Amino acid sequence: MTSKTFSQGVYLPHYKKFSEDKSITVISLPEEVVIPLHQHTGAPCHAVVKVGDTVKTGQKIGESAAFVSAFIHASANGTVKAIEPRPYFNGLLVESVVISVNPEQEEPRWNEKDVTELSRDEIKAAIKEAGIVGMGGAAFPTHVKLSPPKPIDAIIINGCECEPFLTCDHRMMVEMTDSLVEGAKLIARAVEAPHIIFGVEANKPDAIQAIGAKIAGDSNIEIAVLDVKYPQGSEKQLIKAAMNLEVPPGKLPFDVGVIVNNVATAIAVYEACRYQKPLYERVLTFSGDGAAKPGNVKVRIGTPISHVIDQCGGLPSQVGKVVLGGPMTGWAQSRLDVPVVKGTSGILIFTSSMVDDYGHMDCVRCGKCVEHCPMYLYPNYIGVYAETRRYPMAVEWGAMDCFECGICVYVCPSNRPIVQFVRDTKKHVAARSSK
């Protein structure tokens, strides 16, 4: 079977062997969970509990009246210990609800519901109430994404997982196929899309087989087998590869009649509609050349990454870097008390042999970043202008169209931190627009 792909991009080492065959296991609860009230794109939530309150797993503890936001829920039975700013994965302090976990936990019981007759409004209401966001990393509120201003022709379920090391979506496709497919159908029904496409890279034949067996005989659902290339899982590149549609610069997927959702998001949608289960836990990959026990684990939101690391064998004697997410788009951590959040797809432990420790140099104008940029930008110019704080020029050269895939940094012989320059530009633009 010939695989589909897009222009540009880069072929990366996979490093999937550490965990791709490891079934999902469950991480125990820590003594304390720290649940940030802003785990999503959009307005932060405010706490609807107070210090001293007893809370139960799945109970709403944060909400916002803003349309672009996502409710926050308790991930364990316990007592609210504090509501205060706590460290977040991006280095900032975020208002968080701190819960002392009750040592004696009862498994929550959810009321099963027949989803076959749910209306599109009922589906979106269940998604909103459950606080579901895009779980591939962007964390955009799903109920907002499923309220497009234009008709939708197709839903694409993103099963690419093109970043090295990460394998949690792969395992969910294999182990939770029924929930995945039913979740995709609910998403399609919510926007009245007549067609569903599962985009899966060719290096996941067991996932392709599992999904294929489940959708056999359904003419409205298909699998697009995609080339093993980075960033194949980015929305615009995925749409181009799977449907040969171009999303114009400055436009969004719904402008071409498509909505893309992550595998984990689709499963969470099914659980919200079927069981009224809020999003208070997620599956992530624990991996890296320094990971003692690599695997795919289900973790409660708010669990400190130090607890996950301890449960998975601890840190090696020589630690080069700890990254949340994938190695291309993830965030290096300076401390281990930051919590797992809805968008945390991985915890990667690297030894010093996997980490470059030299600084960056001036641009040598080799053009490699331009050659490989999947958005056809000029990262070299964006980087030079942002580094010298000429942000309007960085914007003129397309900084706001960059989705920070990291390819420019990967191919740069001068080790220039172009993604950081782009983030600096976006922060500057956001600060000016808020004045």
Protein backbone atom coordinates (compact mmCIF):
# COMPACT_ATOMS: atom_id res chain seq x y z
CA MET A 1 0.00 0.00 0.00
CA THR A 2 1.41 3.38 -1.07
CA SER A 3 1.56 5.90 1.76
CA LYS A 4 0.56 9.54 1.32
CA THR A 5 2.50 12.57 2.47
CA PHE A 6 3.09 16.33 2.11
CA SER A 7 5.90 18.51 0.79
CA GLN A 8 8.88 19.59 2.89
CA GLY A 9 9.34 18.20 6.40
CA VAL A 10 12.08 15.87 7.54
CA TYR A 11 12.65 12.18 8.26
CA LEU A 12 13.60 11.70 11.90
CA PRO A 13 14.90 8.71 13.84
CA HIS A 14 11.84 7.07 15.39
CA TYR A 15 13.10 5.89 18.79
CA LYS A 16 9.73 4.14 19.20
CA LYS A 17 11.26 0.79 20.18
CA PHE A 18 11.52 1.80 23.83
CA SER A 19 7.75 1.69 24.37
CA GLU A 20 5.74 0.88 21.22
CA ASP A 21 5.05 -2.71 22.34
CA LYS A 22 4.35 -1.81 25.98
CA SER A 23 0.69 -2.08 26.97
CA ILE A 24 -0.90 0.73 28.96
CA THR A 25 -0.45 0.45 32.73
CA VAL A 26 -1.82 2.62 35.54
CA ILE A 27 0.29 4.93 37.72
CA SER A 28 -0.73 5.03 41.38
CA LEU A 29 -2.06 8.20 42.94
CA PRO A 30 0.43 10.50 44.71
CA GLU A 31 -0.14 11.98 48.15
CA GLU A 32 -1.01 15.30 46.57
CA VAL A 33 -2.29 16.43 43.17
CA VAL A 34 -1.79 19.96 41.86
CA ILE A 35 -4.44 20.82 39.28
CA PRO A 36 -3.84 24.03 37.31
CA LEU A 37 -6.92 26.10 36.51
CA HIS A 38 -5.55 27.00 33.08
CA GLN A 39 -4.67 23.87 31.10
CA HIS A 40 -6.11 25.00 27.79
CA THR A 41 -6.11 27.63 25.10
CA GLY A 42 -8.44 30.46 26.09
CA ALA A 43 -9.66 31.99 29.32
CA PRO A 44 -8.47 30.50 32.62
CA CYS A 45 -10.98 28.99 35.01
CA HIS A 46 -11.73 30.22 38.51
CA ALA A 47 -12.01 27.84 41.43
CA VAL A 48 -15.51 26.78 42.46
CA VAL A 49 -14.21 25.09 45.61
CA LYS A 50 -12.45 26.54 48.64
CA VAL A 51 -9.71 25.44 51.00
CA GLY A 52 -10.97 22.74 53.35
CA ASP A 53 -13.61 21.38 50.94
CA THR A 54 -13.87 17.65 50.40
CA VAL A 55 -13.88 16.75 46.71
CA LYS A 56 -14.48 13.58 44.73
CA THR A 57 -12.94 12.25 41.55
CA GLY A 58 -14.58 13.92 38.56
CA GLN A 59 -16.08 16.78 40.54
CA LYS A 60 -15.90 20.15 38.82
CA ILE A 61 -13.44 22.41 40.65
CA GLY A 62 -12.87 25.12 38.05
CA GLU A 63 -15.08 26.85 35.52
CA SER A 64 -15.30 29.91 33.30
CA ALA A 65 -18.15 31.72 31.60
CA ALA A 66 -15.96 32.38 28.55
CA PHE A 67 -16.79 30.40 25.41
CA VAL A 68 -13.15 29.55 24.71
CA SER A 69 -12.26 27.75 27.93
CA ALA A 70 -12.50 24.28 29.44
CA PHE A 71 -13.81 23.15 32.82
CA ILE A 72 -11.40 21.62 35.32
CA HIS A 73 -12.18 18.55 37.46
CA ALA A 74 -10.73 16.87 40.53
CA SER A 75 -8.66 13.81 39.71
CA ALA A 76 -8.90 12.15 43.11
CA ASN A 77 -10.95 12.00 46.29
CA GLY A 78 -9.44 14.28 48.89
CA THR A 79 -9.39 17.64 50.63
CA VAL A 80 -8.55 21.00 49.06
CA LYS A 81 -5.30 21.97 50.74
CA ALA A 82 -4.59 25.24 48.91
CA ILE A 83 -5.60 27.39 45.95
CA GLU A 84 -2.48 29.22 44.91
CA PRO A 85 0.02 29.77 42.08
CA ARG A 86 2.13 26.65 41.45
CA PRO A 87 4.86 25.85 38.88
CA TYR A 88 3.65 24.96 35.38
CA PHE A 89 5.45 23.10 32.60
CA ASN A 90 6.20 26.33 30.67
CA GLY A 91 8.12 27.84 33.57
CA LEU A 92 5.33 30.15 34.74
CA LEU A 93 3.25 30.05 37.90
CA VAL A 94 -0.41 29.13 37.33
CA GLU A 95 -3.27 29.36 39.83
CA SER A 96 -3.88 25.77 40.93
CA VAL A 97 -6.10 23.72 43.21
CA VAL A 98 -3.94 21.57 45.49
CA ILE A 99 -5.68 18.44 46.79
CA SER A 100 -4.45 16.19 49.59
CA VAL A 101 -5.34 12.75 48.28
CA ASN A 102 -7.39 10.47 50.51
CA PRO A 103 -5.42 7.21 50.94
CA GLU A 104 -8.67 5.27 50.62
CA GLN A 105 -9.97 5.89 47.13
CA GLU A 106 -13.22 4.60 45.71
CA GLU A 107 -13.46 3.99 41.99
CA PRO A 108 -15.93 6.49 40.56
CA ARG A 109 -19.12 5.06 39.13
CA TRP A 110 -20.43 6.53 35.93
CA ASN A 111 -23.95 6.26 34.58
CA GLU A 112 -23.94 4.58 31.17
CA LYS A 113 -25.95 6.30 28.48
CA ASP A 114 -27.09 5.18 25.06
CA VAL A 115 -25.18 7.44 22.67
CA THR A 116 -26.94 6.39 19.48
CA GLU A 117 -29.73 8.93 19.85
CA LEU A 118 -27.72 11.89 21.14
CA SER A 119 -28.29 15.11 19.22
CA ARG A 120 -25.38 17.26 18.06
CA ASP A 121 -26.13 19.78 20.83
CA GLU A 122 -26.20 17.03 23.46
CA ILE A 123 -22.85 15.72 22.24
CA LYS A 124 -21.24 19.16 22.44
CA ALA A 125 -22.79 19.80 25.85
CA ALA A 126 -21.33 16.54 27.18
CA ILE A 127 -17.91 17.45 25.75
CA LYS A 128 -18.02 20.90 27.32
CA GLU A 129 -19.13 19.57 30.71
CA ALA A 130 -16.29 17.03 30.65
CA GLY A 131 -13.67 19.72 30.02
CA ILE A 132 -12.23 17.99 26.95
CA VAL A 133 -9.43 19.67 25.03
CA GLY A 134 -7.14 18.66 22.20
CA MET A 135 -4.86 16.11 23.84
CA GLY A 136 -2.13 16.10 21.22
CA GLY A 137 -0.57 19.12 22.91
CA ALA A 138 -2.46 22.20 21.65
CA ALA A 139 -5.18 21.82 24.33
CA PHE A 140 -7.79 23.80 22.38
CA PRO A 141 -11.27 23.33 23.91
CA THR A 142 -13.02 20.62 21.88
CA HIS A 143 -16.55 21.98 22.23
CA VAL A 144 -15.33 25.20 20.61
CA LYS A 145 -13.58 23.34 17.81
CA LEU A 146 -16.81 21.46 17.12
CA SER A 147 -18.73 24.73 16.70
CA PRO A 148 -17.35 25.88 13.33
CA PRO A 149 -18.94 28.76 11.40
CA LYS A 150 -18.91 26.74 8.17
CA PRO A 151 -20.17 23.30 7.05
CA ILE A 152 -17.76 20.42 7.64
CA ASP A 153 -17.21 17.74 4.99
CA ALA A 154 -14.81 15.46 6.85
CA ILE A 155 -13.41 14.62 10.26
CA ILE A 156 -9.79 13.48 10.39
CA ILE A 157 -8.67 11.51 13.43
CA ASN A 158 -4.96 12.17 13.85
CA GLY A 159 -3.22 8.88 14.58
CA CYS A 160 0.16 9.88 13.15
CA GLU A 161 2.09 10.43 16.38
CA CYS A 162 5.04 11.55 14.28
CA GLU A 163 7.28 12.78 17.10
CA PRO A 164 10.10 10.43 18.11
CA PHE A 165 9.68 8.37 21.31
CA LEU A 166 5.92 8.99 21.76
CA THR A 167 3.75 5.87 21.45
CA CYS A 168 0.71 6.47 23.69
CA ASP A 169 -1.65 7.22 20.79
CA HIS A 170 -0.40 4.08 19.06
CA ARG A 171 -1.24 1.96 22.08
CA MET A 172 -4.67 3.55 22.43
CA MET A 173 -5.43 2.81 18.79
CA VAL A 174 -4.59 -0.84 19.41
CA GLU A 175 -6.03 -1.29 22.90
CA MET A 176 -9.04 1.05 22.82
CA THR A 177 -10.16 0.71 19.20
CA ASP A 178 -13.89 0.44 19.92
CA SER A 179 -13.95 3.65 22.01
CA LEU A 180 -11.82 5.42 19.41
CA VAL A 181 -14.09 4.62 16.48
CA GLU A 182 -17.27 5.38 18.42
CA GLY A 183 -15.76 8.67 19.57
CA ALA A 184 -14.94 9.58 15.98
CA LYS A 185 -18.54 8.90 14.99
CA LEU A 186 -19.80 11.15 17.78
CA ILE A 187 -17.47 13.95 16.65
CA ALA A 188 -18.70 13.59 13.09
CA ARG A 189 -22.31 13.66 14.26
CA ALA A 190 -21.67 16.80 16.31
CA VAL A 191 -20.72 18.74 13.16
CA GLU A 192 -22.83 16.72 10.72
CA ALA A 193 -19.76 15.63 8.77
CA PRO A 194 -20.53 12.82 6.30
CA HIS A 195 -17.01 11.42 6.15
CA ILE A 196 -14.40 10.20 8.67
CA ILE A 197 -10.73 9.58 7.90
CA PHE A 198 -8.25 7.94 10.26
CA GLY A 199 -4.78 9.23 9.41
CA VAL A 200 -2.19 6.69 10.58
CA GLU A 201 1.49 6.50 9.71
CA ALA A 202 2.70 3.35 7.98
CA ASN A 203 4.93 2.31 10.91
CA LYS A 204 1.84 1.34 12.94
CA PRO A 205 0.50 -1.69 11.00
CA ASP A 206 -1.19 -3.20 14.07
CA ALA A 207 -3.16 0.03 14.62
CA ILE A 208 -4.13 0.14 10.94
CA GLN A 209 -5.30 -3.48 11.16
CA ALA A 210 -7.27 -2.91 14.38
CA ILE A 211 -9.08 0.16 13.05
CA GLY A 212 -9.63 -1.48 9.67
CA ALA A 213 -11.35 -4.46 11.28
CA LYS A 214 -13.62 -2.17 13.28
CA ILE A 215 -14.73 0.01 10.34
CA ALA A 216 -15.09 -2.80 7.80
CA GLY A 217 -18.29 -2.36 5.80
CA ASP A 218 -18.74 1.32 6.69
CA SER A 219 -18.41 3.27 3.44
CA ASN A 220 -18.25 6.62 5.25
CA ILE A 221 -15.05 5.79 7.15
CA GLU A 222 -11.61 5.14 5.70
CA ILE A 223 -7.97 4.90 6.74
CA ALA A 224 -5.34 7.10 5.10
CA VAL A 225 -1.98 5.36 5.43
CA LEU A 226 0.63 8.09 5.68
CA ASP A 227 4.37 8.33 5.19
CA VAL A 228 6.50 8.18 8.33
CA LYS A 229 7.61 11.78 8.21
CA TYR A 230 7.71 14.76 10.54
CA PRO A 231 5.47 16.75 11.08
CA GLN A 232 2.92 14.48 9.42
CA GLY A 233 0.59 14.92 12.40
CA SER A 234 0.36 18.71 12.11
CA GLU A 235 -3.16 19.68 11.05
CA LYS A 236 -2.41 21.42 7.78
CA GLN A 237 0.15 18.83 6.69
CA LEU A 238 -2.21 16.00 7.66
CA ILE A 239 -5.06 17.53 5.65
CA LYS A 240 -2.78 17.91 2.63
CA ALA A 241 -1.56 14.32 2.87
CA ALA A 242 -4.91 12.67 3.59
CA MET A 243 -7.20 14.77 1.37
CA ASN A 244 -4.88 16.75 -0.93
CA LEU A 245 -6.40 19.99 0.35
CA GLU A 246 -4.37 23.13 1.03
CA VAL A 247 -5.27 25.23 4.06
CA PRO A 248 -4.31 28.80 3.01
CA PRO A 249 -2.00 30.88 5.22
CA GLY A 250 -3.93 32.60 7.98
CA LYS A 251 -6.84 30.19 7.60
CA LEU A 252 -7.97 27.25 9.74
CA PRO A 253 -8.94 23.68 8.78
CA PHE A 254 -12.67 24.45 8.95
CA ASP A 255 -12.11 26.95 6.11
CA VAL A 256 -11.61 23.95 3.81
CA GLY A 257 -14.38 21.92 5.46
CA VAL A 258 -12.23 19.76 7.73
CA ILE A 259 -11.82 19.29 11.49
CA VAL A 260 -8.88 17.35 12.93
CA ASN A 261 -8.99 15.64 16.33
CA ASN A 262 -6.39 13.63 18.20
CA VAL A 263 -6.83 9.93 19.05
CA ALA A 264 -6.94 10.56 22.80
CA THR A 265 -9.46 13.36 22.30
CA ALA A 266 -11.80 11.08 20.34
CA ILE A 267 -11.66 8.47 23.10
CA ALA A 268 -12.34 11.14 25.74
CA VAL A 269 -15.36 12.29 23.70
CA TYR A 270 -16.79 8.77 23.71
CA GLU A 271 -16.25 8.41 27.47
CA ALA A 272 -17.88 11.79 28.12
CA CYS A 273 -20.96 10.95 26.05
CA ARG A 274 -21.26 7.31 27.11
CA TYR A 275 -20.42 7.60 30.80
CA GLN A 276 -20.50 11.36 31.52
CA LYS A 277 -16.87 10.91 32.53
CA PRO A 278 -14.88 14.16 32.85
CA LEU A 279 -11.32 14.48 31.60
CA TYR A 280 -9.33 13.90 34.78
CA GLU A 281 -6.76 11.37 33.56
CA ARG A 282 -4.81 10.66 30.40
CA VAL A 283 -2.42 8.15 28.81
CA LEU A 284 1.13 9.35 28.18
CA THR A 285 4.46 7.85 27.15
CA PHE A 286 7.35 7.52 29.57
CA SER A 287 10.49 7.04 27.49
CA GLY A 288 13.95 8.25 26.50
CA ASP A 289 17.39 6.69 26.59
CA GLY A 290 17.51 7.48 30.34
CA ALA A 291 14.11 5.98 31.21
CA ALA A 292 14.52 3.02 33.56
CA LYS A 293 11.14 1.46 32.71
CA PRO A 294 9.82 2.92 29.48
CA GLY A 295 6.16 2.38 28.72
CA ASN A 296 2.73 3.89 28.23
CA VAL A 297 0.96 4.87 31.42
CA LYS A 298 -2.40 6.22 32.50
CA VAL A 299 -1.89 9.13 34.90
CA ARG A 300 -4.30 11.32 36.88
CA ILE A 301 -4.19 15.02 35.97
CA GLY A 302 -2.25 16.96 38.60
CA THR A 303 0.19 14.15 39.39
CA PRO A 304 3.70 15.60 39.84
CA ILE A 305 6.05 14.28 37.17
CA SER A 306 8.45 13.29 39.96
CA HIS A 307 5.87 10.73 41.11
CA VAL A 308 5.54 9.27 37.61
CA ILE A 309 9.33 9.08 37.30
CA ASP A 310 9.60 7.31 40.67
CA GLN A 311 6.90 4.82 39.68
CA CYS A 312 8.78 4.13 36.46
CA GLY A 313 12.15 3.36 38.00
CA GLY A 314 13.56 6.78 38.89
CA LEU A 315 16.17 8.95 37.22
CA PRO A 316 19.54 7.73 35.91
CA SER A 317 22.74 8.93 37.57
CA GLN A 318 23.54 11.17 34.61
CA VAL A 319 20.50 13.19 33.53
CA GLY A 320 20.89 15.43 30.52
CA LYS A 321 17.33 16.69 30.20
CA VAL A 322 13.73 15.97 31.22
CA VAL A 323 11.16 16.93 28.59
CA LEU A 324 7.38 17.09 28.78
CA GLY A 325 5.86 16.19 25.41
CA GLY A 326 7.89 15.13 22.40
CA PRO A 327 11.54 16.01 21.75
CA MET A 328 10.64 18.36 18.87
CA THR A 329 7.85 20.43 20.41
CA GLY A 330 8.08 19.60 24.11
CA TRP A 331 9.27 21.68 27.02
CA ALA A 332 12.50 21.02 28.92
CA GLN A 333 11.97 21.11 32.69
CA SER A 334 14.04 22.80 35.36
CA ARG A 335 12.10 21.19 38.23
CA LEU A 336 10.19 17.96 38.81
CA ASP A 337 7.25 19.19 40.89
CA VAL A 338 5.31 20.37 37.84
CA PRO A 339 2.10 18.39 37.26
CA VAL A 340 0.82 16.28 34.41
CA VAL A 341 -1.91 18.26 32.60
CA LYS A 342 -4.46 17.49 29.91
CA GLY A 343 -1.99 18.17 27.10
CA THR A 344 0.92 16.13 28.49
CA SER A 345 1.64 13.43 25.91
CA GLY A 346 4.97 12.27 27.27
CA ILE A 347 7.66 12.43 29.92
CA LEU A 348 11.06 11.87 28.31
CA ILE A 349 14.27 11.26 30.23
CA PHE A 350 17.48 11.87 28.27
CA THR A 351 21.06 11.19 29.31
CA SER A 352 23.76 13.74 28.58
CA SER A 353 24.76 11.76 25.46
CA MET A 354 21.45 12.77 23.83
CA VAL A 355 21.74 16.48 24.63
CA ASP A 356 23.83 19.14 22.90
CA ASP A 357 25.46 21.38 25.48
CA TYR A 358 26.91 24.06 23.22
CA GLY A 359 25.34 27.44 22.57
CA HIS A 360 24.13 28.85 19.30
CA MET A 361 26.06 30.78 16.68
CA ASP A 362 25.21 33.29 13.98
CA CYS A 363 23.13 32.23 10.99
CA VAL A 364 25.41 30.97 8.18
CA ARG A 365 22.64 31.32 5.56
CA CYS A 366 22.82 27.69 4.50
CA GLY A 367 19.08 27.65 3.74
CA LYS A 368 18.41 24.27 5.36
CA CYS A 369 15.60 25.66 7.53
CA VAL A 370 13.93 27.13 4.45
CA GLU A 371 14.36 23.89 2.52
CA HIS A 372 12.56 21.80 5.15
CA CYS A 373 10.00 24.22 6.65
CA PRO A 374 6.54 22.62 6.19
CA MET A 375 4.92 26.08 6.20
CA TYR A 376 7.21 27.42 3.43
CA LEU A 377 8.52 30.15 5.73
CA TYR A 378 11.97 31.71 6.04
CA PRO A 379 12.92 30.74 9.61
CA ASN A 380 16.39 32.22 9.11
CA TYR A 381 15.02 35.74 8.66
CA ILE A 382 12.43 35.30 11.41
CA GLY A 383 15.19 34.25 13.79
CA VAL A 384 17.56 37.10 12.90
CA TYR A 385 14.86 39.75 13.29
CA ALA A 386 13.48 38.31 16.52
CA GLU A 387 16.94 37.90 18.04
CA THR A 388 17.55 41.61 17.50
CA ARG A 389 14.04 42.43 18.77
CA ARG A 390 12.85 43.74 15.42
CA TYR A 391 9.59 41.94 16.02
CA PRO A 392 7.49 43.70 13.34
CA MET A 393 9.92 42.40 10.71
CA ALA A 394 9.75 38.90 12.21
CA VAL A 395 5.97 39.08 11.91
CA GLU A 396 6.27 40.31 8.32
CA TRP A 397 8.36 37.24 7.49
CA GLY A 398 5.69 34.91 8.90
CA ALA A 399 6.42 34.34 12.59
CA MET A 400 2.71 34.19 13.40
CA ASP A 401 2.16 31.40 10.84
CA CYS A 402 4.83 29.22 12.46
CA PHE A 403 3.40 26.33 14.51
CA GLU A 404 6.75 25.67 16.23
CA CYS A 405 7.43 22.18 14.87
CA GLY A 406 11.16 22.58 15.60
CA ILE A 407 12.48 21.36 12.25
CA CYS A 408 14.45 24.57 11.75
CA VAL A 409 16.31 23.95 15.00
CA TYR A 410 16.86 20.28 14.16
CA VAL A 411 18.53 21.00 10.80
CA CYS A 412 20.40 24.18 11.79
CA PRO A 413 24.21 23.73 11.80
CA SER A 414 24.50 26.80 14.05
CA ASN A 415 22.13 25.35 16.67
CA ARG A 416 20.03 28.52 16.56
CA PRO A 417 17.00 28.47 18.93
CA ILE A 418 14.60 29.66 16.24
CA VAL A 419 11.50 28.26 17.96
CA GLN A 420 12.33 30.30 21.05
CA PHE A 421 12.75 33.37 18.85
CA VAL A 422 9.29 32.72 17.38
CA ARG A 423 7.79 32.35 20.85
CA ASP A 424 9.40 35.62 21.90
CA THR A 425 7.82 37.30 18.87
CA LYS A 426 4.38 35.91 19.67
CA LYS A 427 4.68 37.03 23.29
CA HIS A 428 5.60 40.53 22.11
CA VAL A 429 2.62 40.65 19.75
CA ALA A 430 0.27 39.36 22.45
CA ALA A 431 1.54 41.92 24.96
CA ARG A 432 1.03 44.78 22.53
CA SER A 433 -2.44 43.65 21.53
CA SER A 434 -3.53 43.47 25.18
CA LYS A 435 -2.67 47.12 25.81
